[in-house]
N, C-alpha and C. Protein backbone atom coordinates (compact mmCIF):
# COMPACT_ATOMS: atom_id res chain seq x y z
N MET A 1 4.59 -4.60 7.26
CA MET A 1 4.97 -4.40 8.28
C MET A 1 5.59 -3.01 8.62
N GLN A 2 6.28 -2.33 7.81
CA GLN A 2 7.10 -1.15 7.67
C GLN A 2 6.19 -0.18 8.28
N ALA A 3 5.05 -0.35 7.34
CA ALA A 3 4.01 1.06 7.38
C ALA A 3 3.33 0.62 8.73
N GLU A 4 3.13 -0.58 9.20
CA GLU A 4 2.42 -0.77 10.01
C GLU A 4 3.11 0.05 11.61
N ALA A 5 4.21 -0.20 11.93
CA ALA A 5 5.25 0.12 12.59
C ALA A 5 5.27 1.72 12.24
N CYS A 6 5.51 2.00 11.62
CA CYS A 6 5.47 3.60 11.35
C CYS A 6 4.23 4.59 11.70
N PHE A 7 2.96 3.39 11.59
CA PHE A 7 1.75 4.40 11.92
C PHE A 7 1.35 3.81 13.40
N LYS A 8 2.38 3.00 13.85
CA LYS A 8 1.82 2.76 15.52
C LYS A 8 2.83 3.66 16.07
N GLU A 9 3.99 4.20 15.52
CA GLU A 9 4.51 5.40 16.15
C GLU A 9 4.06 6.53 16.08
N TYR A 10 3.20 7.01 14.89
CA TYR A 10 2.67 7.87 14.63
C TYR A 10 1.44 8.30 16.12
N LEU A 11 0.45 7.17 15.95
CA LEU A 11 -0.35 7.26 16.80
C LEU A 11 0.24 7.20 18.47
N LYS A 12 1.43 6.85 18.67
CA LYS A 12 1.73 6.88 20.28
C LYS A 12 1.91 8.44 20.26
N GLN A 13 2.40 9.15 19.47
CA GLN A 13 3.02 10.40 19.62
C GLN A 13 1.61 11.40 19.45
N SER A 14 0.40 10.89 18.73
CA SER A 14 -0.89 11.80 18.65
C SER A 14 -1.26 12.24 19.67
N LYS A 15 -1.89 13.72 19.65
CA LYS A 15 -2.65 14.26 20.75
C LYS A 15 -3.86 13.95 20.53
N GLU A 16 -4.28 13.43 19.86
CA GLU A 16 -5.88 13.13 19.41
C GLU A 16 -6.22 11.75 19.69
N TYR A 17 -5.38 10.87 19.79
CA TYR A 17 -5.85 9.27 20.13
C TYR A 17 -5.02 8.80 21.08
N ASP A 18 -5.24 7.77 21.88
CA ASP A 18 -4.96 7.34 22.85
C ASP A 18 -4.79 5.82 22.28
N LEU A 19 -3.42 5.46 22.11
CA LEU A 19 -3.07 3.85 21.46
C LEU A 19 -3.54 2.87 22.60
N LEU A 20 -4.59 2.05 22.49
CA LEU A 20 -4.91 0.95 23.19
C LEU A 20 -4.63 -0.53 22.98
N ALA A 21 -4.35 -0.60 22.06
CA ALA A 21 -3.83 -1.79 21.33
C ALA A 21 -3.14 -1.82 19.64
N ALA A 22 -2.02 -2.60 19.47
CA ALA A 22 -1.75 -2.88 18.25
C ALA A 22 -1.63 -4.26 17.75
N ASN A 23 -1.87 -4.41 16.50
CA ASN A 23 -1.65 -5.73 15.84
C ASN A 23 -2.08 -6.61 17.41
N LEU A 24 -3.46 -6.90 17.61
CA LEU A 24 -3.92 -7.82 18.27
C LEU A 24 -4.58 -9.06 17.82
N GLN A 25 -3.51 -10.28 17.99
CA GLN A 25 -3.97 -11.42 17.30
C GLN A 25 -5.10 -12.18 18.06
N ILE A 26 -6.19 -12.63 17.38
CA ILE A 26 -7.45 -13.23 17.94
C ILE A 26 -7.39 -14.76 17.60
N GLN A 27 -7.25 -15.21 18.57
CA GLN A 27 -6.91 -16.85 18.62
C GLN A 27 -8.28 -17.66 18.76
N GLY A 28 -8.45 -18.80 17.65
CA GLY A 28 -9.62 -19.46 17.98
C GLY A 28 -9.17 -20.78 18.83
N GLU A 29 -10.17 -21.92 18.66
CA GLU A 29 -9.64 -23.04 19.28
C GLU A 29 -8.52 -23.68 18.96
N LYS A 30 -8.56 -23.60 17.55
CA LYS A 30 -7.34 -24.39 16.89
C LYS A 30 -6.25 -23.44 15.80
N GLU A 31 -6.91 -22.33 15.46
CA GLU A 31 -6.02 -21.43 14.88
C GLU A 31 -6.49 -20.02 14.91
N THR A 32 -5.52 -18.97 14.56
CA THR A 32 -5.50 -17.49 14.49
C THR A 32 -6.61 -17.16 13.80
N LEU A 33 -7.66 -16.67 14.35
CA LEU A 33 -8.91 -15.90 13.22
C LEU A 33 -8.50 -14.95 12.84
N GLY A 34 -7.40 -14.13 13.30
CA GLY A 34 -7.03 -12.82 12.24
C GLY A 34 -6.64 -11.80 13.29
N GLU A 35 -6.26 -10.75 12.79
CA GLU A 35 -5.89 -9.47 13.76
C GLU A 35 -6.39 -8.37 13.49
N LEU A 36 -6.67 -7.47 14.47
CA LEU A 36 -7.01 -6.42 14.34
C LEU A 36 -5.68 -5.32 14.76
N ASP A 37 -5.68 -4.51 13.59
CA ASP A 37 -4.15 -3.74 13.17
C ASP A 37 -4.22 -2.60 14.43
N TYR A 38 -5.23 -1.81 14.97
CA TYR A 38 -5.17 -0.89 15.54
C TYR A 38 -6.54 -0.63 16.68
N ILE A 39 -6.57 -0.42 17.82
CA ILE A 39 -7.65 -0.09 18.75
C ILE A 39 -7.11 1.33 19.54
N VAL A 40 -7.81 2.34 19.14
CA VAL A 40 -7.42 3.91 19.59
C VAL A 40 -8.59 4.26 20.55
N LYS A 41 -8.34 5.39 21.49
CA LYS A 41 -9.37 6.18 21.98
C LYS A 41 -9.31 7.49 21.48
N ASN A 42 -10.64 7.87 21.02
CA ASN A 42 -10.49 9.07 20.48
C ASN A 42 -10.78 10.00 21.62
N LEU A 43 -9.26 10.69 22.12
CA LEU A 43 -9.50 11.57 23.37
C LEU A 43 -10.52 12.75 23.46
N LYS A 44 -11.00 13.20 22.65
CA LYS A 44 -12.56 13.93 22.42
C LYS A 44 -13.48 13.43 22.89
N THR A 45 -13.71 12.29 21.95
CA THR A 45 -15.26 12.14 21.98
C THR A 45 -14.85 10.88 23.37
N GLU A 46 -13.89 10.41 23.50
CA GLU A 46 -13.83 9.36 24.49
C GLU A 46 -14.21 8.14 24.18
N LYS A 47 -14.23 7.83 22.86
CA LYS A 47 -14.76 6.79 21.86
C LYS A 47 -14.00 5.59 21.62
N ASN A 48 -13.98 4.69 21.54
CA ASN A 48 -13.09 3.70 21.06
C ASN A 48 -13.26 3.43 19.50
N ILE A 49 -11.92 3.14 18.89
CA ILE A 49 -12.19 2.98 17.29
C ILE A 49 -11.19 2.10 16.66
N HIS A 50 -11.53 1.31 16.11
CA HIS A 50 -10.70 0.25 15.38
C HIS A 50 -10.62 0.31 14.06
N ILE A 51 -9.34 0.48 13.73
CA ILE A 51 -8.64 1.03 12.66
C ILE A 51 -7.84 -0.10 11.88
N GLU A 52 -8.00 -0.34 10.77
CA GLU A 52 -7.41 -1.15 9.75
C GLU A 52 -6.43 -0.50 8.90
N LEU A 53 -5.14 -0.58 8.68
CA LEU A 53 -4.48 0.17 7.87
C LEU A 53 -3.87 -0.76 6.83
N ALA A 54 -4.03 -0.31 5.56
CA ALA A 54 -3.49 -0.90 4.30
C ALA A 54 -2.19 0.26 3.69
N CYS A 55 -1.08 -0.28 3.12
CA CYS A 55 -0.11 0.44 2.38
C CYS A 55 -0.03 -0.46 1.31
N LYS A 56 -0.67 0.27 0.22
CA LYS A 56 -0.92 -0.55 -1.32
C LYS A 56 -0.18 0.30 -2.21
N PHE A 57 0.44 -0.65 -3.50
CA PHE A 57 0.63 -0.05 -4.57
C PHE A 57 -0.05 -0.63 -5.53
N TYR A 58 -0.73 0.08 -6.20
CA TYR A 58 -1.56 -0.49 -7.68
C TYR A 58 -1.47 0.46 -8.37
N LEU A 59 -1.67 -0.33 -9.69
CA LEU A 59 -1.57 0.31 -11.16
C LEU A 59 -2.97 -0.01 -11.86
N PHE A 60 -3.16 0.89 -12.56
CA PHE A 60 -4.64 1.25 -13.23
C PHE A 60 -4.31 0.40 -14.20
N ASP A 61 -5.04 -0.53 -14.78
CA ASP A 61 -5.16 -1.51 -15.66
C ASP A 61 -6.90 -1.15 -16.26
N GLU A 62 -6.82 -0.58 -17.32
CA GLU A 62 -8.50 0.14 -17.54
C GLU A 62 -9.27 -0.95 -18.61
N ASN A 63 -8.15 -2.35 -18.79
CA ASN A 63 -8.85 -3.26 -19.68
C ASN A 63 -9.65 -4.30 -18.69
N LYS A 64 -9.46 -4.19 -17.54
CA LYS A 64 -10.29 -4.93 -16.37
C LYS A 64 -11.74 -4.70 -16.25
N SER A 65 -12.19 -3.30 -16.03
CA SER A 65 -13.61 -3.47 -15.87
C SER A 65 -13.89 -1.65 -16.08
N LYS A 66 -15.39 -1.78 -16.23
CA LYS A 66 -16.08 -0.28 -16.58
C LYS A 66 -15.89 0.24 -15.12
N GLU A 67 -15.44 -0.62 -14.02
CA GLU A 67 -15.92 0.50 -12.86
C GLU A 67 -14.34 0.38 -12.24
N VAL A 68 -14.05 1.94 -11.57
CA VAL A 68 -12.73 2.19 -11.17
C VAL A 68 -12.24 1.56 -10.53
N GLU A 69 -12.88 1.01 -9.18
CA GLU A 69 -12.36 0.16 -8.54
C GLU A 69 -11.32 -1.26 -8.68
N GLN A 70 -12.58 -1.53 -9.86
CA GLN A 70 -11.86 -2.87 -10.37
C GLN A 70 -10.66 -3.09 -11.14
N ASN A 71 -10.15 -1.50 -11.30
CA ASN A 71 -9.23 -1.66 -12.31
C ASN A 71 -7.81 -1.29 -11.74
N TRP A 72 -7.90 -1.13 -10.67
CA TRP A 72 -6.38 -1.07 -9.46
C TRP A 72 -5.89 -2.27 -9.26
N VAL A 73 -5.00 -2.61 -10.03
CA VAL A 73 -4.14 -3.87 -9.14
C VAL A 73 -2.64 -3.84 -8.77
N GLY A 74 -2.23 -4.99 -8.23
CA GLY A 74 -0.89 -5.09 -8.00
C GLY A 74 -0.15 -5.18 -8.93
N PRO A 75 1.39 -4.44 -8.74
CA PRO A 75 2.38 -4.67 -9.82
C PRO A 75 2.50 -5.95 -10.73
N ASN A 76 1.89 -7.05 -10.32
CA ASN A 76 1.87 -8.53 -10.58
C ASN A 76 0.86 -9.38 -10.83
N GLN A 77 -0.20 -8.29 -10.79
CA GLN A 77 -1.69 -8.54 -10.92
C GLN A 77 -1.97 -9.64 -9.86
N LYS A 78 -1.41 -9.67 -8.88
CA LYS A 78 -1.59 -10.66 -7.76
C LYS A 78 -3.06 -10.54 -6.89
N ASP A 79 -3.33 -9.13 -6.95
CA ASP A 79 -4.36 -8.56 -5.91
C ASP A 79 -5.07 -7.39 -6.41
N SER A 80 -5.80 -6.93 -5.86
CA SER A 80 -6.54 -5.68 -6.40
C SER A 80 -7.21 -4.85 -5.20
N LEU A 81 -7.32 -3.52 -5.66
CA LEU A 81 -8.11 -2.87 -4.84
C LEU A 81 -9.59 -3.21 -4.30
N SER A 82 -10.36 -4.06 -5.15
CA SER A 82 -11.56 -4.22 -4.95
C SER A 82 -11.39 -5.72 -4.10
N GLU A 83 -10.58 -6.44 -4.37
CA GLU A 83 -10.34 -7.58 -3.36
C GLU A 83 -9.71 -6.99 -2.25
N LYS A 84 -9.11 -5.97 -1.81
CA LYS A 84 -8.89 -5.63 -0.46
C LYS A 84 -9.87 -5.48 0.13
N LEU A 85 -10.74 -4.47 -0.63
CA LEU A 85 -12.16 -3.83 0.01
C LEU A 85 -13.38 -5.14 0.48
N GLU A 86 -13.27 -5.83 -0.42
CA GLU A 86 -14.35 -7.21 -0.40
C GLU A 86 -13.64 -7.97 1.17
N LYS A 87 -12.26 -8.20 1.05
CA LYS A 87 -12.04 -8.80 2.36
C LYS A 87 -12.00 -7.98 3.50
N LEU A 88 -11.96 -6.46 3.55
CA LEU A 88 -12.37 -5.84 4.31
C LEU A 88 -13.53 -6.15 5.26
N LYS A 89 -14.53 -5.83 4.19
CA LYS A 89 -16.14 -6.17 4.62
C LYS A 89 -16.49 -7.35 5.01
N LEU A 90 -15.95 -8.46 4.37
CA LEU A 90 -16.02 -10.05 4.97
C LEU A 90 -15.38 -10.38 6.05
N LYS A 91 -14.07 -10.15 6.21
CA LYS A 91 -13.39 -10.82 7.26
C LYS A 91 -12.94 -9.87 8.45
N GLN A 92 -12.08 -8.93 7.87
CA GLN A 92 -11.61 -7.77 8.75
C GLN A 92 -12.17 -6.93 9.90
N PHE A 93 -13.41 -6.41 9.34
CA PHE A 93 -14.16 -5.79 10.03
C PHE A 93 -15.06 -6.75 11.04
N PRO A 94 -15.54 -7.58 10.37
CA PRO A 94 -16.59 -8.65 11.23
C PRO A 94 -16.00 -9.29 12.31
N LEU A 95 -14.41 -9.24 12.06
CA LEU A 95 -13.75 -10.14 13.36
C LEU A 95 -13.87 -9.31 14.60
N LEU A 96 -14.38 -7.93 14.70
CA LEU A 96 -14.83 -7.23 15.86
C LEU A 96 -15.71 -7.93 16.73
N LYS A 97 -16.58 -8.45 15.77
CA LYS A 97 -17.98 -9.01 16.44
C LYS A 97 -17.85 -10.27 17.20
N ALA A 98 -16.70 -11.17 16.39
CA ALA A 98 -16.37 -12.44 17.16
C ALA A 98 -16.57 -12.55 18.82
N PRO A 99 -17.12 -13.81 19.09
CA PRO A 99 -17.05 -14.06 20.60
C PRO A 99 -15.51 -13.96 21.12
N GLU A 100 -14.49 -14.42 20.48
CA GLU A 100 -13.22 -14.82 20.77
C GLU A 100 -12.57 -13.43 20.81
N THR A 101 -13.05 -12.34 19.99
CA THR A 101 -12.31 -10.74 20.13
C THR A 101 -13.24 -10.20 21.20
N ILE A 102 -14.15 -10.40 21.51
CA ILE A 102 -14.96 -9.96 22.63
C ILE A 102 -14.14 -10.10 24.34
N LYS A 103 -13.87 -11.49 23.98
CA LYS A 103 -13.29 -12.35 25.28
C LYS A 103 -11.77 -11.33 25.26
N LYS A 104 -11.19 -11.62 24.29
CA LYS A 104 -9.89 -10.91 24.21
C LYS A 104 -9.70 -9.75 24.64
N LEU A 105 -10.62 -8.77 24.29
CA LEU A 105 -10.91 -7.20 24.71
C LEU A 105 -11.38 -6.83 26.21
N ASN A 106 -12.19 -7.84 26.73
CA ASN A 106 -12.37 -8.01 27.95
C ASN A 106 -11.43 -8.34 28.89
N GLU A 107 -10.72 -9.04 28.45
CA GLU A 107 -9.25 -9.46 29.33
C GLU A 107 -8.23 -8.64 29.32
N LEU A 108 -8.09 -7.77 28.28
CA LEU A 108 -7.11 -6.55 28.18
C LEU A 108 -8.06 -5.33 28.75
N GLY A 109 -9.09 -5.33 29.13
CA GLY A 109 -9.84 -4.16 30.27
C GLY A 109 -10.08 -3.10 28.74
N ILE A 110 -10.29 -3.37 27.62
CA ILE A 110 -10.69 -2.58 26.65
C ILE A 110 -11.67 -2.56 26.23
N GLU A 111 -12.41 -1.39 26.24
CA GLU A 111 -14.31 -1.32 25.68
C GLU A 111 -14.27 -1.54 24.36
N LYS A 112 -15.33 -2.32 23.85
CA LYS A 112 -15.24 -2.54 22.34
C LYS A 112 -15.53 -1.22 21.78
N PRO A 113 -14.70 -1.40 20.80
CA PRO A 113 -14.76 0.10 19.73
C PRO A 113 -16.39 0.41 19.01
N THR A 114 -16.65 1.25 19.12
CA THR A 114 -18.22 1.73 18.70
C THR A 114 -18.04 2.08 16.94
N SER A 115 -16.94 2.18 16.59
CA SER A 115 -16.50 2.51 15.14
C SER A 115 -15.43 1.79 14.28
N GLN A 116 -15.58 1.34 13.28
CA GLN A 116 -14.19 1.09 12.35
C GLN A 116 -13.93 1.91 11.21
N THR A 117 -12.94 2.03 10.67
CA THR A 117 -12.30 2.61 9.84
C THR A 117 -10.95 2.04 8.81
N LEU A 118 -11.12 2.46 7.59
CA LEU A 118 -9.62 1.64 6.95
C LEU A 118 -8.92 3.10 6.69
N CYS A 119 -7.51 3.14 6.93
CA CYS A 119 -6.74 4.07 6.84
C CYS A 119 -5.75 3.21 5.60
N LEU A 120 -6.24 3.59 4.31
CA LEU A 120 -5.65 3.44 3.32
C LEU A 120 -4.62 4.33 2.53
N LYS A 121 -3.41 3.77 2.62
CA LYS A 121 -2.23 4.54 2.05
C LYS A 121 -1.71 3.87 1.00
N ALA A 122 -2.38 4.68 -0.11
CA ALA A 122 -2.04 4.16 -1.41
C ALA A 122 -1.15 4.97 -2.37
N PHE A 123 -0.22 4.02 -3.18
CA PHE A 123 0.52 4.57 -4.38
C PHE A 123 0.28 4.42 -5.41
N LEU A 124 -0.43 5.01 -6.44
CA LEU A 124 -0.84 4.59 -7.59
C LEU A 124 -0.18 5.06 -8.74
N PHE A 125 -0.28 4.39 -9.68
CA PHE A 125 0.46 4.39 -10.92
C PHE A 125 -0.49 4.37 -11.86
N ILE A 126 -0.31 5.05 -12.99
CA ILE A 126 -1.37 5.15 -14.14
C ILE A 126 -0.41 4.94 -15.54
N PRO A 127 -0.97 4.35 -16.54
CA PRO A 127 -0.41 4.53 -18.06
C PRO A 127 -0.03 5.68 -18.41
N LYS A 128 0.93 5.91 -18.83
CA LYS A 128 1.76 7.47 -19.39
C LYS A 128 0.74 8.31 -20.10
N TYR A 129 -0.18 7.76 -20.99
CA TYR A 129 -0.72 8.50 -21.73
C TYR A 129 -2.18 9.17 -20.91
N LEU A 130 -2.21 8.69 -20.06
CA LEU A 130 -3.35 9.00 -19.18
C LEU A 130 -3.33 10.10 -18.18
N LYS A 131 -3.88 10.94 -17.68
CA LYS A 131 -3.61 12.07 -17.15
C LYS A 131 -4.07 12.33 -15.80
N PRO A 132 -3.40 12.44 -14.69
CA PRO A 132 -4.08 12.26 -13.11
C PRO A 132 -5.12 13.17 -12.74
N GLU A 133 -5.21 14.02 -13.46
CA GLU A 133 -6.72 15.15 -13.63
C GLU A 133 -8.03 14.18 -13.84
N SER A 134 -7.55 12.90 -14.72
CA SER A 134 -9.08 12.50 -15.16
C SER A 134 -9.47 11.42 -14.21
N PHE A 135 -8.59 11.31 -12.94
CA PHE A 135 -9.30 10.56 -12.19
C PHE A 135 -10.21 11.12 -11.12
N PRO A 136 -11.28 10.74 -10.34
CA PRO A 136 -11.69 11.05 -9.28
C PRO A 136 -10.62 11.98 -8.01
N LYS A 137 -10.89 12.74 -7.36
CA LYS A 137 -9.86 13.60 -6.65
C LYS A 137 -9.11 12.57 -5.48
N ASN A 138 -10.04 11.63 -5.21
CA ASN A 138 -9.41 10.91 -4.04
C ASN A 138 -8.37 9.86 -4.39
N TYR A 139 -8.43 9.60 -5.77
CA TYR A 139 -7.60 8.62 -6.53
C TYR A 139 -6.66 9.96 -7.09
N GLU A 140 -6.49 10.53 -7.64
CA GLU A 140 -5.54 11.88 -8.14
C GLU A 140 -4.77 11.98 -7.22
N ASP A 141 -5.09 12.46 -5.82
CA ASP A 141 -4.18 12.95 -4.94
C ASP A 141 -3.01 11.79 -4.51
N CYS A 142 -3.44 10.53 -5.01
CA CYS A 142 -2.45 9.38 -4.70
C CYS A 142 -1.92 8.70 -5.68
N ILE A 143 -1.82 9.37 -6.75
CA ILE A 143 -1.31 9.13 -8.11
C ILE A 143 0.43 9.93 -7.96
N VAL A 144 1.27 8.95 -8.07
CA VAL A 144 2.77 9.16 -7.90
C VAL A 144 3.60 8.70 -9.17
N GLY A 145 3.10 8.23 -10.03
CA GLY A 145 3.94 7.40 -11.34
C GLY A 145 2.90 7.31 -12.28
N HIS A 146 3.68 6.35 -13.05
CA HIS A 146 3.12 5.82 -14.52
C HIS A 146 3.83 4.28 -14.72
N TYR A 147 3.42 3.79 -15.10
CA TYR A 147 4.09 2.60 -15.43
C TYR A 147 4.06 2.03 -17.37
N LEU A 148 4.97 1.32 -17.73
CA LEU A 148 5.19 1.14 -19.13
C LEU A 148 5.58 -0.31 -19.28
N LYS A 149 5.62 -1.07 -20.38
CA LYS A 149 6.07 -2.21 -20.92
C LYS A 149 7.52 -1.74 -21.20
N ALA A 150 8.49 -3.13 -21.15
CA ALA A 150 9.97 -2.88 -21.42
C ALA A 150 10.26 -2.44 -23.02
N THR A 151 9.31 -2.88 -23.66
CA THR A 151 9.66 -1.91 -25.38
C THR A 151 9.28 -0.66 -25.05
N ASP A 152 8.74 0.08 -24.37
CA ASP A 152 8.36 1.67 -24.15
C ASP A 152 9.63 2.10 -23.33
N LEU A 153 10.70 1.30 -22.49
CA LEU A 153 11.61 1.88 -22.01
C LEU A 153 12.73 2.44 -22.83
N VAL A 154 12.91 4.02 -23.02
CA VAL A 154 13.76 4.78 -23.94
C VAL A 154 15.08 4.90 -23.19
N LYS A 155 15.98 4.61 -24.17
CA LYS A 155 17.23 4.72 -24.01
C LYS A 155 17.44 6.51 -23.25
N ASP A 156 18.18 6.83 -22.47
CA ASP A 156 18.60 7.76 -22.00
C ASP A 156 20.01 7.70 -21.17
N GLU A 157 20.81 8.28 -21.97
CA GLU A 157 22.47 7.89 -21.19
C GLU A 157 22.49 8.92 -20.31
N SER A 158 21.81 10.00 -20.29
CA SER A 158 22.02 11.50 -19.34
C SER A 158 21.14 11.00 -18.24
N ALA A 159 20.66 9.78 -18.07
CA ALA A 159 19.94 9.25 -16.31
C ALA A 159 20.45 8.62 -15.96
N LEU A 160 19.99 8.56 -14.29
CA LEU A 160 20.64 7.48 -13.60
C LEU A 160 19.21 6.86 -12.92
N TYR A 161 19.12 5.35 -12.90
CA TYR A 161 18.10 4.93 -12.40
C TYR A 161 18.44 4.05 -11.28
N ALA A 162 17.43 3.89 -10.49
CA ALA A 162 17.67 2.72 -9.35
C ALA A 162 16.12 1.56 -9.65
N ILE A 163 16.81 0.81 -8.56
CA ILE A 163 15.75 -0.43 -8.82
C ILE A 163 15.63 -0.76 -7.32
N PRO A 164 14.59 -0.28 -6.70
CA PRO A 164 14.61 -0.44 -5.16
C PRO A 164 14.09 -1.93 -4.91
N THR A 165 14.48 -2.54 -3.82
CA THR A 165 13.83 -3.78 -3.56
C THR A 165 12.31 -3.63 -3.04
N LYS A 166 11.28 -4.62 -2.97
CA LYS A 166 10.29 -4.30 -2.42
C LYS A 166 10.35 -3.33 -0.91
N LYS A 167 11.01 -3.84 -0.27
CA LYS A 167 11.45 -3.35 1.33
C LYS A 167 11.75 -1.84 1.11
N GLU A 168 11.97 -1.62 -0.02
CA GLU A 168 12.37 0.25 -0.44
C GLU A 168 11.39 0.93 -0.90
N TRP A 169 10.36 0.24 -1.32
CA TRP A 169 9.28 1.18 -2.01
C TRP A 169 8.97 2.29 -1.34
N ILE A 170 8.77 2.14 0.01
CA ILE A 170 8.36 3.25 0.84
C ILE A 170 9.41 4.23 1.37
N LEU A 171 10.52 3.92 0.95
CA LEU A 171 11.63 4.76 1.62
C LEU A 171 12.03 6.05 0.18
N PRO A 172 12.24 7.25 0.98
CA PRO A 172 12.25 8.62 -0.11
C PRO A 172 13.47 8.21 -0.85
N VAL A 173 13.28 8.92 -1.79
CA VAL A 173 14.42 8.41 -2.86
C VAL A 173 15.78 8.81 -2.54
N ASN A 174 16.21 9.87 -1.48
CA ASN A 174 17.38 10.34 -1.23
C ASN A 174 17.87 8.99 -0.46
N ALA A 175 17.03 8.23 0.09
CA ALA A 175 17.85 6.89 1.12
C ALA A 175 18.09 5.85 0.21
N LEU A 176 17.87 6.22 -1.39
CA LEU A 176 18.46 4.82 -2.22
C LEU A 176 20.45 5.29 -2.64
N ASN A 177 20.78 4.14 -2.13
CA ASN A 177 22.05 4.25 -2.75
C ASN A 177 22.97 3.86 -3.96
N ASN A 178 22.18 3.13 -4.55
CA ASN A 178 22.50 2.12 -5.61
C ASN A 178 22.02 2.90 -7.24
N TRP A 179 22.83 3.58 -8.25
CA TRP A 179 22.18 4.20 -9.05
C TRP A 179 22.72 3.56 -10.45
N TYR A 180 22.34 3.39 -11.51
CA TYR A 180 22.99 2.88 -12.59
C TYR A 180 22.42 3.25 -13.90
N THR A 181 23.43 3.29 -15.07
CA THR A 181 23.11 3.79 -16.17
C THR A 181 21.91 2.97 -16.78
N PHE A 182 21.88 3.48 -18.09
CA PHE A 182 20.69 2.76 -18.59
C PHE A 182 20.84 1.87 -19.21
N SER A 183 22.17 1.44 -19.66
CA SER A 183 22.58 -0.17 -20.17
C SER A 183 22.52 -0.77 -18.67
N GLU A 184 22.84 -0.56 -17.55
CA GLU A 184 22.90 -1.79 -16.51
C GLU A 184 21.53 -1.72 -15.91
N ILE A 185 20.58 -0.65 -15.89
CA ILE A 185 19.55 -1.00 -15.70
C ILE A 185 18.61 -1.67 -16.43
N LYS A 186 18.93 -1.89 -17.58
CA LYS A 186 18.36 -2.52 -18.49
C LYS A 186 18.20 -4.37 -18.10
N LEU A 187 19.70 -4.49 -17.98
CA LEU A 187 19.68 -5.73 -17.65
C LEU A 187 19.24 -6.15 -16.16
N LEU A 188 19.23 -5.48 -15.26
CA LEU A 188 18.38 -5.78 -14.15
C LEU A 188 16.84 -5.64 -14.30
N VAL A 189 16.03 -5.12 -15.22
CA VAL A 189 15.07 -4.97 -15.76
C VAL A 189 14.46 -6.30 -16.33
N ASP A 190 15.29 -6.73 -17.01
CA ASP A 190 15.13 -7.75 -17.90
C ASP A 190 15.16 -9.09 -16.87
N GLU A 191 15.92 -9.03 -16.18
CA GLU A 191 16.23 -10.08 -15.29
C GLU A 191 14.66 -10.40 -14.55
N GLN A 192 14.32 -9.27 -13.94
CA GLN A 192 12.91 -9.09 -13.04
C GLN A 192 11.53 -9.71 -13.72
N LEU A 193 11.69 -9.24 -15.23
CA LEU A 193 10.65 -9.47 -16.13
C LEU A 193 10.52 -10.95 -16.41
N LYS A 194 11.64 -11.58 -16.63
CA LYS A 194 11.86 -12.97 -16.95
C LYS A 194 11.18 -13.98 -15.73
N MET A 195 11.06 -13.40 -14.59
CA MET A 195 10.84 -14.28 -13.53
C MET A 195 9.02 -13.62 -13.06
N ASN A 196 8.66 -13.03 -14.43
CA ASN A 196 7.25 -12.18 -14.00
C ASN A 196 7.15 -11.68 -12.68
N LYS A 197 8.22 -10.44 -12.82
CA LYS A 197 7.88 -9.52 -11.37
C LYS A 197 8.09 -8.33 -12.38
N SER A 198 7.35 -7.23 -11.96
CA SER A 198 7.22 -5.92 -12.20
C SER A 198 8.27 -5.00 -11.31
N PRO A 199 9.22 -4.37 -11.74
CA PRO A 199 10.30 -3.66 -10.98
C PRO A 199 9.55 -2.45 -11.04
N LEU A 200 9.92 -1.72 -9.60
CA LEU A 200 9.58 -0.31 -9.36
C LEU A 200 10.91 0.60 -9.89
N ILE A 201 11.07 1.54 -10.89
CA ILE A 201 12.50 2.19 -11.05
C ILE A 201 12.11 3.89 -10.81
N TYR A 202 13.21 4.20 -10.47
CA TYR A 202 13.56 5.81 -10.15
C TYR A 202 14.36 6.09 -11.65
N LYS A 203 13.98 7.34 -11.92
CA LYS A 203 15.01 7.84 -13.10
C LYS A 203 15.43 9.34 -12.88
N LYS A 204 16.17 9.92 -12.73
CA LYS A 204 16.80 11.04 -12.35
C LYS A 204 17.56 11.67 -13.54
N THR A 205 17.41 12.97 -13.47
CA THR A 205 18.11 13.79 -14.19
C THR A 205 18.38 14.77 -13.49
N PRO A 206 19.16 15.90 -13.91
CA PRO A 206 19.73 17.15 -13.08
C PRO A 206 18.16 17.89 -13.04
N HIS A 207 17.31 17.54 -14.01
CA HIS A 207 16.17 18.58 -13.84
C HIS A 207 14.69 17.81 -13.48
N ARG A 208 14.74 16.43 -13.16
CA ARG A 208 13.55 15.75 -13.17
C ARG A 208 13.91 14.61 -12.48
N LEU A 209 12.84 13.84 -11.74
CA LEU A 209 12.87 12.96 -11.06
C LEU A 209 11.23 11.95 -11.26
N GLU A 210 11.55 11.01 -11.81
CA GLU A 210 10.18 10.16 -12.37
C GLU A 210 10.23 8.65 -11.81
N ARG A 211 9.16 8.42 -11.43
CA ARG A 211 9.05 7.14 -10.40
C ARG A 211 7.87 6.15 -11.31
N PHE A 212 8.89 5.03 -11.71
CA PHE A 212 7.69 4.27 -12.52
C PHE A 212 7.65 2.43 -12.48
N PHE A 213 6.78 1.92 -13.03
CA PHE A 213 7.00 0.22 -13.02
C PHE A 213 7.30 -0.18 -14.01
N VAL A 214 7.74 -1.07 -14.57
CA VAL A 214 8.15 -1.65 -15.80
C VAL A 214 7.22 -3.17 -15.86
N VAL A 215 6.44 -3.26 -16.45
CA VAL A 215 5.41 -4.45 -16.14
C VAL A 215 5.90 -5.58 -17.34
N TRP A 216 5.42 -6.55 -16.77
CA TRP A 216 5.87 -7.93 -17.31
C TRP A 216 4.20 -8.67 -18.25
N TRP A 217 3.31 -7.80 -18.09
CA TRP A 217 1.96 -8.52 -18.54
C TRP A 217 1.66 -7.20 -19.60
């Protein structure tokens, strides 16, 4: 929801696109069929475009598959990149063609989009022993950190640590106010791991800043 709000404001200020609708709910007879994230008009071509936005944090689990897309999973292994793309293909994009959607667009006086696209803002984390340059360029550009197990969390009394809540994951690091010593962060990490939650950690020293997940799996 944070990312959607930011992207909506971006589109409002864009000189290339005119925002026609955002978070458009499509209602069936008994239930909500789904939502179209954004409908915009390209001011150069004057064509309408349906945009779906996704802001995701994925970790590379190389044991999942030989296919790169299959190996990107959520921090708690509850979702994956391949599942997201499959949902988009089978549910979110086809919603545009539903009779209920056509009716809703007609009511709003919006011409049906001639194309659809996904804007995927990904924050990718890889095992520490892998190198970002070993991944395809489109993945490499999105790698922002690594992940490790609790047993690999090395004591460093010279560093300070932050453990942002999920709502704070997309904030810049200088927006985080609570920083802890190693012994303090270790207790907070252990609490999360006991609940099968993989926390995001920032570690800063005078010369370096690291961002990583500590996983329970």
